Amino acid sequence: MSILTPHRGTQAVYAINPVAKIGAAFVLSLTLILSIDWVSASVALVLEGILFLWAGLSPKVFFLRTLPVWIAAPLAGFSTVLYGRPAGATYLQFGLVHITDGSIELGVATTLRVLAIGLPAVVLFVTVDPTDLADGLAQVLHLPSRFVLGGLAGLRLVGLFLDDWRSLKLARRARGVGDSGRIARFASLGFALLVLSIRRGSKLATAMEARGFGADVRRTYARESTFGRREVLLIVLATAVALTAVAVSVSTGHWNFIGSTS
């Protein structure tokens, strides 16, 4: 099952307008970016974990889809521990590496913040159908149809792009070409795929223009994209999570605005 064509589950989150999902992810991300502290990130992460139960993803699918985030977060935190802002007691200093109380606290905060921002963004994205997203962008946000339909066509071609890569590898192997030298083989396959993609993109653009996709007229859509109570509820929940995280962080004295020098 492709990440771009998710299975429509029975949970209500699948039916929520993708514009609301983008808005909810934006609210959470913007709020958590404003401060580098472990309290706000931890509170947001706990509340998000409760809401994940209604995301419609099984535990296995959830961890597989969010695996890059689980890998990136500790790496970001570890690098911050090694090279973060020195403060408090020093535990190790070697060249540019300077591990202190401040860098450890900053590393933990960075790890939690990456998780709190990345996990909901991935979960909301995997429950979005590209066609529903295009309908929402065009009908709710009223973005130009040329931009929306072009983006939709590009998303729909991602799966075909991967199939082309595998087909090129098999074809070259059948001809006995590129069996040695990984870098040279990768560069050759990449160039061939680039040429193939440009040709397909040109044909697709010509076909879309011939069918009137680029006409400067008001378009009609087969499916109506609505923005109702469920969408408002999702954004309200995201705002509540963000405000709760900020309130707890400020009340405990851990709020550390990114513009602060302390």
Protein backbone atom coordinates (compact mmCIF):
# COMPACT_ATOMS: atom_id res chain seq x y z
CA MET A 1 0.00 0.00 0.00
CA SER A 2 1.56 3.27 -1.09
CA ILE A 3 1.88 6.19 1.26
CA LEU A 4 0.33 8.36 -1.43
CA THR A 5 -2.73 6.17 -1.86
CA PRO A 6 -3.76 5.21 1.67
CA HIS A 7 -6.43 2.67 2.41
CA ARG A 8 -9.62 4.37 3.45
CA GLY A 9 -10.23 3.14 6.97
CA THR A 10 -13.43 3.21 8.92
CA GLN A 11 -12.12 5.83 11.34
CA ALA A 12 -13.41 9.38 10.89
CA VAL A 13 -9.91 10.81 10.42
CA TYR A 14 -9.81 9.43 6.86
CA ALA A 15 -12.87 11.48 5.92
CA ILE A 16 -11.53 14.76 7.30
CA ASN A 17 -10.65 17.33 4.67
CA PRO A 18 -6.89 17.29 3.97
CA VAL A 19 -6.79 21.08 4.27
CA ALA A 20 -7.75 20.73 7.94
CA LYS A 21 -5.00 18.13 8.42
CA ILE A 22 -2.46 20.50 6.94
CA GLY A 23 -3.75 23.28 9.18
CA ALA A 24 -3.57 21.10 12.29
CA ALA A 25 -0.01 20.02 11.51
CA PHE A 26 0.96 23.65 10.89
CA VAL A 27 -0.46 24.79 14.24
CA LEU A 28 1.43 22.11 16.15
CA SER A 29 4.68 22.64 14.26
CA LEU A 30 4.64 26.43 14.57
CA THR A 31 3.97 26.32 18.31
CA LEU A 32 6.64 23.72 19.09
CA ILE A 33 9.22 25.51 16.96
CA LEU A 34 8.90 28.64 19.10
CA SER A 35 10.56 27.05 22.12
CA ILE A 36 13.37 24.56 22.70
CA ASP A 37 12.41 22.90 25.96
CA TRP A 38 11.63 19.33 26.93
CA VAL A 39 8.44 20.14 28.87
CA SER A 40 6.36 21.57 26.02
CA ALA A 41 7.54 18.84 23.66
CA SER A 42 6.79 16.10 26.21
CA VAL A 43 3.28 17.39 26.94
CA ALA A 44 2.51 17.71 23.24
CA LEU A 45 3.89 14.23 22.55
CA VAL A 46 1.76 12.62 25.29
CA LEU A 47 -1.43 14.33 24.12
CA GLU A 48 -0.67 13.46 20.49
CA GLY A 49 -0.12 9.83 21.49
CA ILE A 50 -3.67 9.73 22.87
CA LEU A 51 -5.08 11.18 19.66
CA PHE A 52 -3.11 8.69 17.54
CA LEU A 53 -5.51 6.00 18.74
CA TRP A 54 -8.14 7.51 16.45
CA ALA A 55 -5.83 7.88 13.44
CA GLY A 56 -6.94 4.57 11.91
CA LEU A 57 -3.43 3.09 11.70
CA SER A 58 -2.49 -0.27 13.18
CA PRO A 59 0.57 -0.29 15.48
CA LYS A 60 2.64 -2.01 12.78
CA VAL A 61 1.68 0.46 10.07
CA PHE A 62 2.17 3.37 12.47
CA PHE A 63 5.76 2.42 13.34
CA LEU A 64 6.66 1.54 9.75
CA ARG A 65 5.37 4.85 8.41
CA THR A 66 6.95 6.90 11.20
CA LEU A 67 10.24 4.95 11.25
CA PRO A 68 12.24 7.79 9.62
CA VAL A 69 11.11 10.12 12.41
CA TRP A 70 12.10 7.62 15.11
CA ILE A 71 15.55 7.39 13.49
CA ALA A 72 16.04 11.11 12.85
CA ALA A 73 15.00 12.28 16.33
CA PRO A 74 17.73 10.46 18.34
CA LEU A 75 20.36 11.40 15.76
CA ALA A 76 19.40 15.06 16.02
CA GLY A 77 19.44 14.86 19.80
CA PHE A 78 22.79 13.05 19.92
CA SER A 79 24.48 15.62 17.68
CA THR A 80 23.06 18.38 19.86
CA VAL A 81 24.47 16.70 22.97
CA LEU A 82 27.92 16.63 21.38
CA TYR A 83 27.94 20.13 19.91
CA GLY A 84 25.15 21.96 21.74
CA ARG A 85 25.36 25.05 23.91
CA PRO A 86 27.70 24.45 26.88
CA ALA A 87 26.22 25.19 30.30
CA GLY A 88 26.62 23.75 33.77
CA ALA A 89 28.96 20.91 34.62
CA THR A 90 31.25 19.55 31.92
CA TYR A 91 31.37 15.78 31.40
CA LEU A 92 33.51 15.51 28.27
CA GLN A 93 35.47 17.97 26.17
CA PHE A 94 37.47 16.91 23.18
CA GLY A 95 38.00 19.31 20.27
CA LEU A 96 34.59 20.55 19.13
CA VAL A 97 32.83 17.97 21.30
CA HIS A 98 31.64 19.56 24.54
CA ILE A 99 29.15 17.57 26.61
CA THR A 100 27.64 19.53 29.49
CA ASP A 101 24.42 19.70 31.49
CA GLY A 102 23.13 22.32 29.07
CA SER A 103 23.94 20.33 25.94
CA ILE A 104 22.33 17.18 27.38
CA GLU A 105 19.14 19.04 28.28
CA LEU A 106 19.13 20.66 24.85
CA GLY A 107 19.66 17.28 23.19
CA VAL A 108 16.73 15.73 25.05
CA ALA A 109 14.55 18.71 24.13
CA THR A 110 15.58 18.44 20.50
CA THR A 111 14.76 14.73 20.36
CA LEU A 112 11.33 15.22 21.89
CA ARG A 113 10.59 18.22 19.69
CA VAL A 114 11.43 16.33 16.50
CA LEU A 115 9.10 13.52 17.60
CA ALA A 116 6.32 15.91 18.60
CA ILE A 117 6.49 17.71 15.26
CA GLY A 118 7.25 14.80 12.95
CA LEU A 119 4.91 12.07 14.23
CA PRO A 120 1.60 13.96 13.83
CA ALA A 121 2.70 15.32 10.46
CA VAL A 122 3.41 11.81 9.15
CA VAL A 123 0.24 10.33 10.66
CA LEU A 124 -1.94 13.05 9.14
CA PHE A 125 -0.20 12.75 5.78
CA VAL A 126 -0.61 8.99 5.41
CA THR A 127 -4.37 9.36 5.86
CA VAL A 128 -4.59 11.79 2.93
CA ASP A 129 -5.64 10.75 -0.55
CA PRO A 130 -3.96 12.86 -3.29
CA THR A 131 -7.24 13.48 -5.10
CA ASP A 132 -8.93 14.62 -1.88
CA LEU A 133 -5.98 16.91 -1.22
CA ALA A 134 -6.25 18.45 -4.69
CA ASP A 135 -10.00 18.93 -4.27
CA GLY A 136 -9.43 20.65 -0.93
CA LEU A 137 -6.71 22.94 -2.21
CA ALA A 138 -8.82 23.98 -5.19
CA GLN A 139 -12.26 24.24 -3.59
CA VAL A 140 -11.46 25.28 -0.02
CA LEU A 141 -8.27 27.32 -0.41
CA HIS A 142 -9.08 28.33 -4.01
CA LEU A 143 -5.55 27.79 -5.28
CA PRO A 144 -4.99 28.01 -9.06
CA SER A 145 -6.24 24.87 -10.80
CA ARG A 146 -3.14 24.68 -12.99
CA PHE A 147 -0.94 24.41 -9.88
CA VAL A 148 -3.26 21.98 -8.10
CA LEU A 149 -3.82 19.63 -11.01
CA GLY A 150 -0.15 19.68 -11.95
CA GLY A 151 0.79 18.73 -8.40
CA LEU A 152 -1.81 15.96 -8.37
CA ALA A 153 -0.49 14.54 -11.63
CA GLY A 154 3.04 14.59 -10.19
CA LEU A 155 1.96 12.74 -7.04
CA ARG A 156 0.16 10.12 -9.09
CA LEU A 157 3.34 9.47 -11.07
CA VAL A 158 5.50 8.69 -8.02
CA GLY A 159 4.50 5.01 -8.07
CA LEU A 160 5.16 4.84 -11.80
CA PHE A 161 8.55 6.46 -11.20
CA LEU A 162 9.54 3.61 -8.88
CA ASP A 163 8.26 1.02 -11.37
CA ASP A 164 10.39 2.62 -14.10
CA TRP A 165 13.47 2.40 -11.89
CA ARG A 166 12.95 -1.32 -11.31
CA SER A 167 12.22 -1.93 -15.01
CA LEU A 168 15.39 -0.14 -16.06
CA LYS A 169 17.46 -2.20 -13.62
CA LEU A 170 15.99 -5.46 -14.92
CA ALA A 171 16.43 -4.43 -18.56
CA ARG A 172 20.08 -3.50 -18.06
CA ARG A 173 20.75 -6.69 -16.14
CA ALA A 174 19.16 -8.73 -18.95
CA ARG A 175 21.53 -7.08 -21.45
CA GLY A 176 24.51 -7.60 -19.15
CA VAL A 177 25.03 -3.87 -18.68
CA GLY A 178 25.97 -2.29 -15.37
CA ASP A 179 26.77 -5.40 -13.36
CA SER A 180 29.79 -3.73 -11.73
CA GLY A 181 30.49 -0.34 -10.22
CA ARG A 182 27.64 0.81 -8.00
CA ILE A 183 28.30 4.52 -8.41
CA ALA A 184 28.55 4.31 -12.20
CA ARG A 185 25.46 2.09 -12.37
CA PHE A 186 23.47 4.44 -10.17
CA ALA A 187 24.50 7.49 -12.21
CA SER A 188 23.62 5.75 -15.48
CA LEU A 189 20.24 4.61 -14.18
CA GLY A 190 19.55 8.06 -12.76
CA PHE A 191 20.27 9.76 -16.09
CA ALA A 192 18.13 7.27 -18.02
CA LEU A 193 15.28 7.74 -15.55
CA LEU A 194 15.61 11.52 -15.81
CA VAL A 195 15.30 11.38 -19.60
CA LEU A 196 12.32 9.03 -19.35
CA SER A 197 10.63 11.24 -16.76
CA ILE A 198 11.09 14.37 -18.87
CA ARG A 199 9.58 12.65 -21.88
CA ARG A 200 6.63 11.35 -19.89
CA GLY A 201 6.13 14.73 -18.24
CA SER A 202 6.09 16.50 -21.61
CA LYS A 203 3.54 14.06 -23.00
CA LEU A 204 1.39 14.38 -19.90
CA ALA A 205 1.51 18.18 -20.04
CA THR A 206 0.50 18.15 -23.72
CA ALA A 207 -2.34 15.74 -23.02
CA MET A 208 -3.59 17.84 -20.09
CA GLU A 209 -3.49 21.03 -22.15
CA ALA A 210 -5.38 19.30 -24.97
CA ARG A 211 -8.11 18.35 -22.50
CA GLY A 212 -8.47 21.90 -21.23
CA PHE A 213 -6.73 21.55 -17.87
CA GLY A 214 -4.91 24.82 -18.43
CA ALA A 215 -7.94 26.83 -19.57
CA ASP A 216 -8.61 30.10 -17.75
CA VAL A 217 -12.19 29.22 -16.85
CA ARG A 218 -13.98 28.21 -13.69
CA ARG A 219 -13.61 24.48 -13.24
CA THR A 220 -16.14 22.01 -11.94
CA TYR A 221 -15.22 19.02 -9.77
CA ALA A 222 -16.68 15.54 -9.61
CA ARG A 223 -16.43 15.45 -5.81
CA GLU A 224 -17.36 18.31 -3.53
CA SER A 225 -14.76 19.21 -0.91
CA THR A 226 -16.41 20.43 2.28
CA PHE A 227 -15.04 22.03 5.41
CA GLY A 228 -17.37 21.32 8.33
CA ARG A 229 -17.53 20.32 11.98
CA ARG A 230 -14.98 17.51 11.80
CA GLU A 231 -12.42 19.77 10.22
CA VAL A 232 -13.00 22.51 12.77
CA LEU A 233 -12.78 19.93 15.59
CA LEU A 234 -9.41 18.68 14.33
CA ILE A 235 -7.96 22.19 14.24
CA VAL A 236 -9.43 22.94 17.68
CA LEU A 237 -7.83 19.78 19.08
CA ALA A 238 -4.46 20.68 17.56
CA THR A 239 -4.74 24.20 18.99
CA ALA A 240 -5.69 22.79 22.40
CA VAL A 241 -2.67 20.48 22.39
CA ALA A 242 -0.38 23.35 21.41
CA LEU A 243 -1.78 25.77 24.01
CA THR A 244 -1.67 23.13 26.76
CA ALA A 245 1.97 22.39 25.98
CA VAL A 246 2.83 26.09 26.10
CA ALA A 247 0.86 26.68 29.29
CA VAL A 248 2.54 23.80 31.15
CA SER A 249 5.97 24.85 29.94
CA VAL A 250 5.47 28.49 30.97
CA SER A 251 3.95 27.58 34.34
CA THR A 252 6.88 25.31 35.20
CA GLY A 253 9.44 27.89 34.08
CA HIS A 254 10.90 25.78 31.27
CA TRP A 255 9.69 27.89 28.35
CA ASN A 256 12.74 28.79 26.29
CA PHE A 257 11.82 31.01 23.35
CA ILE A 258 14.09 30.48 20.36
CA GLY A 259 14.97 34.20 20.30
CA SER A 260 16.10 34.15 23.92
CA THR A 261 19.81 34.21 24.66
CA SER A 262 19.42 32.65 28.08
